[in-house]
Amino acid sequence: MSGAFARAQLRWIVLARKHPSAWLLGVQLLGVLLYPVMENMPAGRAVFGAFGMAVLGLSVWVVRRSPLTIWIALVLAIPAVIFSVAGALLDRYSVTMVAQLFECLLYFYTTWSLIAYMLQDHKVTRDELFAAGATFTLLAWAFAFAFSVCQHWIPGSFVATSEGDFRTWTELLYLSFSLLSGVGLSDVVPVLPQARALVMLEQFSGVMYVALVVSRLVGLTIHKAGKK
């Protein structure tokens, strides 16, 4: 029994090492389901912070497989963790906002590293297909953090059917996914120039991602299948 358990553990370790992008994608998609619950919990900020640290760790881990340097990811991840913990302990959102700024930059860097990883050769591996999904979610997270920082620097940047000058994280992530996918289905609207500039950048990023990265991966996959 113990031998079977050890072999199962070994298989999970091998799978994790072979497909780190799949773990990052899975955790982020899980976050989409958990964030609405976290926001309504009494200790929601602490749980949210712990979950965010897990995503940060996976992001740094994923960068290791890319041709880019990992030290830049660490320079961004370490301050993000420090300011996130400090913001939770001091209960000061201004400190948490600094953490979100570092997280935003880290996710953009991880996105670029995954794109470099997918484009470094002319082969399409299973992990690269997972990386294509993880890159999309990373972009959505990065812009959601950018929206959050924007609305706290400039209150009233976004309006919605719900009351208040500040949108929740779930609302901002919902807006980010809507813009990046191009569906435009969102009741959250940017109303100030700075917010609209960020929205235009995300719309451009979503179109270019599909045009350059996804189309290349699909083309290489079809070409590989045609050779068989």
Protein backbone atom coordinates (compact mmCIF):
# COMPACT_ATOMS: atom_id res chain seq x y z
CA MET A 1 0.00 0.00 0.00
CA SER A 2 2.79 2.38 0.96
CA GLY A 3 4.64 1.45 -2.24
CA ALA A 4 1.61 2.30 -4.37
CA PHE A 5 1.24 5.62 -2.56
CA ALA A 6 4.92 6.40 -3.14
CA ARG A 7 4.58 5.60 -6.85
CA ALA A 8 1.51 7.81 -7.09
CA GLN A 9 3.41 10.64 -5.43
CA LEU A 10 6.29 10.15 -7.84
CA ARG A 11 3.93 10.31 -10.82
CA TRP A 12 2.46 13.59 -9.51
CA ILE A 13 5.95 15.06 -9.06
CA VAL A 14 6.95 14.06 -12.59
CA LEU A 15 3.70 15.49 -13.97
CA ALA A 16 4.24 18.75 -12.09
CA ARG A 17 7.75 19.08 -13.45
CA LYS A 18 6.70 18.30 -17.01
CA HIS A 19 3.66 20.59 -17.08
CA PRO A 20 4.09 23.56 -14.71
CA SER A 21 1.96 25.68 -17.04
CA ALA A 22 -0.97 23.32 -16.47
CA TRP A 23 -0.72 23.84 -12.70
CA LEU A 24 -0.62 27.62 -13.12
CA LEU A 25 -3.63 27.53 -15.46
CA GLY A 26 -5.56 25.22 -13.14
CA VAL A 27 -4.93 27.33 -10.04
CA GLN A 28 -5.96 30.52 -11.80
CA LEU A 29 -9.16 28.99 -13.13
CA LEU A 30 -9.87 27.72 -9.63
CA GLY A 31 -9.39 31.28 -8.43
CA VAL A 32 -12.14 32.47 -10.77
CA LEU A 33 -14.55 30.25 -8.85
CA LEU A 34 -13.16 31.02 -5.39
CA TYR A 35 -12.73 34.79 -5.54
CA PRO A 36 -16.46 35.59 -5.17
CA VAL A 37 -16.51 33.35 -2.06
CA MET A 38 -13.33 34.93 -0.65
CA GLU A 39 -14.75 38.43 -0.94
CA ASN A 40 -17.70 37.52 1.29
CA MET A 41 -15.66 35.72 3.96
CA PRO A 42 -14.77 37.45 7.24
CA ALA A 43 -11.12 36.54 6.70
CA GLY A 44 -11.40 37.03 2.96
CA ARG A 45 -8.39 39.34 2.63
CA ALA A 46 -6.10 36.83 4.37
CA VAL A 47 -7.34 33.94 2.22
CA PHE A 48 -7.09 36.09 -0.88
CA GLY A 49 -3.49 36.97 0.02
CA ALA A 50 -2.54 33.33 0.61
CA PHE A 51 -4.07 32.29 -2.70
CA GLY A 52 -2.26 35.15 -4.43
CA MET A 53 1.07 34.00 -3.01
CA ALA A 54 0.45 30.52 -4.42
CA VAL A 55 -0.11 32.03 -7.87
CA LEU A 56 3.02 34.17 -7.46
CA GLY A 57 5.07 31.09 -6.63
CA LEU A 58 3.74 29.21 -9.64
CA SER A 59 4.46 32.23 -11.86
CA VAL A 60 8.10 32.30 -10.75
CA TRP A 61 8.31 28.52 -11.26
CA VAL A 62 6.96 28.82 -14.81
CA VAL A 63 9.52 31.50 -15.72
CA ARG A 64 12.28 28.92 -15.10
CA ARG A 65 11.26 27.09 -18.28
CA SER A 66 11.50 30.18 -20.47
CA PRO A 67 14.63 31.63 -22.09
CA LEU A 68 14.23 34.78 -19.97
CA THR A 69 16.03 35.34 -16.66
CA ILE A 70 14.37 34.27 -13.43
CA TRP A 71 16.00 36.94 -11.25
CA ILE A 72 13.69 39.61 -12.66
CA ALA A 73 10.69 37.51 -11.58
CA LEU A 74 12.16 37.16 -8.09
CA VAL A 75 12.83 40.92 -7.86
CA LEU A 76 9.13 41.49 -8.55
CA ALA A 77 7.73 38.57 -6.54
CA ILE A 78 9.57 39.18 -3.26
CA PRO A 79 8.35 42.80 -2.78
CA ALA A 80 4.86 41.69 -3.81
CA VAL A 81 4.80 39.13 -1.00
CA ILE A 82 6.28 41.54 1.55
CA PHE A 83 3.84 44.36 0.79
CA SER A 84 0.92 41.93 0.60
CA VAL A 85 1.66 40.55 4.07
CA ALA A 86 2.29 44.05 5.45
CA GLY A 87 -0.97 45.31 4.00
CA ALA A 88 -2.92 42.46 5.57
CA LEU A 89 -1.26 42.89 8.98
CA LEU A 90 -1.53 46.69 9.05
CA ASP A 91 -4.97 46.68 7.42
CA ARG A 92 -3.87 49.46 5.09
CA TYR A 93 -5.00 49.23 1.50
CA SER A 94 -2.38 51.75 0.36
CA VAL A 95 0.27 49.14 1.21
CA THR A 96 -1.73 46.40 -0.49
CA MET A 97 -1.97 48.59 -3.59
CA VAL A 98 1.85 48.64 -3.82
CA ALA A 99 1.78 44.83 -3.65
CA GLN A 100 -0.77 44.77 -6.47
CA LEU A 101 1.48 46.98 -8.57
CA PHE A 102 4.37 44.51 -8.18
CA GLU A 103 2.01 41.59 -8.91
CA CYS A 104 0.82 43.35 -12.04
CA LEU A 105 4.41 43.78 -13.26
CA LEU A 106 5.26 40.17 -12.38
CA TYR A 107 2.29 38.81 -14.31
CA PHE A 108 3.20 40.89 -17.35
CA TYR A 109 6.76 39.59 -17.15
CA THR A 110 5.55 35.99 -16.72
CA THR A 111 3.27 36.48 -19.72
CA TRP A 112 6.21 37.62 -21.81
CA SER A 113 8.33 34.71 -20.58
CA LEU A 114 5.63 32.19 -21.54
CA ILE A 115 5.29 33.76 -24.98
CA ALA A 116 9.08 33.51 -25.42
CA TYR A 117 8.87 29.88 -24.25
CA MET A 118 6.16 29.06 -26.81
CA LEU A 119 7.99 30.79 -29.67
CA GLN A 120 11.53 29.53 -29.00
CA ASP A 121 11.23 26.56 -31.38
CA HIS A 122 9.01 25.11 -34.09
CA LYS A 123 7.60 22.29 -31.98
CA VAL A 124 4.33 22.31 -30.07
CA THR A 125 4.50 20.33 -26.84
CA ARG A 126 1.64 19.58 -24.49
CA ASP A 127 3.06 22.00 -21.94
CA GLU A 128 3.14 24.76 -24.56
CA LEU A 129 -0.57 24.24 -25.16
CA PHE A 130 -1.16 24.61 -21.43
CA ALA A 131 1.09 27.67 -21.54
CA ALA A 132 -1.18 29.24 -24.17
CA GLY A 133 -4.09 29.06 -21.72
CA ALA A 134 -1.97 30.20 -18.77
CA THR A 135 -0.72 33.19 -20.75
CA PHE A 136 -4.29 34.30 -21.39
CA THR A 137 -5.23 34.08 -17.72
CA LEU A 138 -2.00 35.83 -16.69
CA LEU A 139 -2.82 38.73 -19.00
CA ALA A 140 -6.31 38.92 -17.53
CA TRP A 141 -4.89 38.96 -13.98
CA ALA A 142 -2.23 41.55 -14.88
CA PHE A 143 -4.75 44.00 -16.30
CA ALA A 144 -7.17 43.37 -13.43
CA PHE A 145 -4.41 44.40 -11.02
CA ALA A 146 -3.69 47.42 -13.22
CA PHE A 147 -7.38 48.38 -13.03
CA SER A 148 -7.34 47.97 -9.25
CA VAL A 149 -4.30 50.22 -8.86
CA CYS A 150 -5.85 52.75 -11.24
CA GLN A 151 -9.13 53.02 -9.34
CA HIS A 152 -7.34 53.58 -6.03
CA TRP A 153 -5.05 56.22 -7.47
CA ILE A 154 -7.97 57.84 -9.30
CA PRO A 155 -11.28 57.03 -7.56
CA GLY A 156 -14.28 56.76 -9.84
CA SER A 157 -12.27 55.36 -12.76
CA PHE A 158 -14.83 52.59 -13.24
CA VAL A 159 -18.57 52.59 -12.74
CA ALA A 160 -21.00 49.69 -12.57
CA THR A 161 -24.57 48.84 -11.67
CA SER A 162 -23.44 48.31 -8.07
CA GLU A 163 -22.94 51.36 -5.88
CA GLY A 164 -19.63 52.86 -4.75
CA ASP A 165 -16.52 54.34 -6.33
CA PHE A 166 -14.48 51.15 -6.00
CA ARG A 167 -15.13 47.97 -7.92
CA THR A 168 -14.47 44.60 -6.28
CA TRP A 169 -11.70 42.31 -7.49
CA THR A 170 -14.25 39.97 -9.06
CA GLU A 171 -15.79 42.85 -11.02
CA LEU A 172 -12.39 43.98 -12.30
CA LEU A 173 -11.36 40.45 -13.25
CA TYR A 174 -14.69 39.99 -15.01
CA LEU A 175 -14.06 43.21 -16.95
CA SER A 176 -10.54 42.06 -17.81
CA PHE A 177 -11.68 38.69 -19.18
CA SER A 178 -14.42 40.41 -21.18
CA LEU A 179 -11.97 42.83 -22.78
CA LEU A 180 -9.23 40.29 -23.44
CA SER A 181 -11.59 37.80 -25.07
CA GLY A 182 -13.22 40.52 -27.15
CA VAL A 183 -16.79 39.61 -26.15
CA GLY A 184 -17.41 42.95 -24.46
CA LEU A 185 -19.94 41.45 -22.03
CA SER A 186 -19.46 43.54 -18.89
CA ASP A 187 -21.52 45.91 -16.77
CA VAL A 188 -18.31 47.57 -15.51
CA VAL A 189 -17.43 50.62 -17.58
CA PRO A 190 -14.28 52.79 -17.61
CA VAL A 191 -15.28 56.46 -17.45
CA LEU A 192 -12.05 58.37 -16.80
CA PRO A 193 -9.29 58.82 -19.42
CA GLN A 194 -6.62 56.82 -17.56
CA ALA A 195 -8.95 53.86 -17.12
CA ARG A 196 -9.98 54.00 -20.76
CA ALA A 197 -6.31 54.03 -21.80
CA LEU A 198 -5.71 50.80 -19.85
CA VAL A 199 -8.81 49.28 -21.42
CA MET A 200 -7.58 50.11 -24.92
CA LEU A 201 -4.19 48.55 -24.15
CA GLU A 202 -5.89 45.34 -23.02
CA GLN A 203 -8.09 45.22 -26.10
CA PHE A 204 -4.99 45.59 -28.27
CA SER A 205 -3.17 42.89 -26.26
CA GLY A 206 -6.07 40.46 -26.65
CA VAL A 207 -6.22 40.88 -30.42
CA MET A 208 -2.44 40.60 -30.86
CA TYR A 209 -2.25 37.54 -28.60
CA VAL A 210 -4.77 35.65 -30.69
CA ALA A 211 -3.25 36.86 -33.97
CA LEU A 212 0.39 36.10 -33.17
CA VAL A 213 0.62 33.40 -30.52
CA VAL A 214 -2.51 31.29 -30.74
CA SER A 215 -2.59 31.28 -34.56
CA ARG A 216 1.07 30.18 -34.65
CA LEU A 217 0.49 27.32 -32.22
CA VAL A 218 -2.60 26.19 -34.14
CA GLY A 219 -0.71 26.38 -37.43
CA LEU A 220 2.22 24.33 -36.11
CA THR A 221 -0.16 21.74 -34.61
CA ILE A 222 -2.00 21.33 -37.93
CA HIS A 223 1.29 21.12 -39.80
CA LYS A 224 2.54 18.42 -37.44
CA ALA A 225 -0.70 16.46 -37.80
CA GLY A 226 -0.50 16.71 -41.58
CA LYS A 227 2.95 15.09 -41.60
CA LYS A 228 1.69 11.94 -39.86
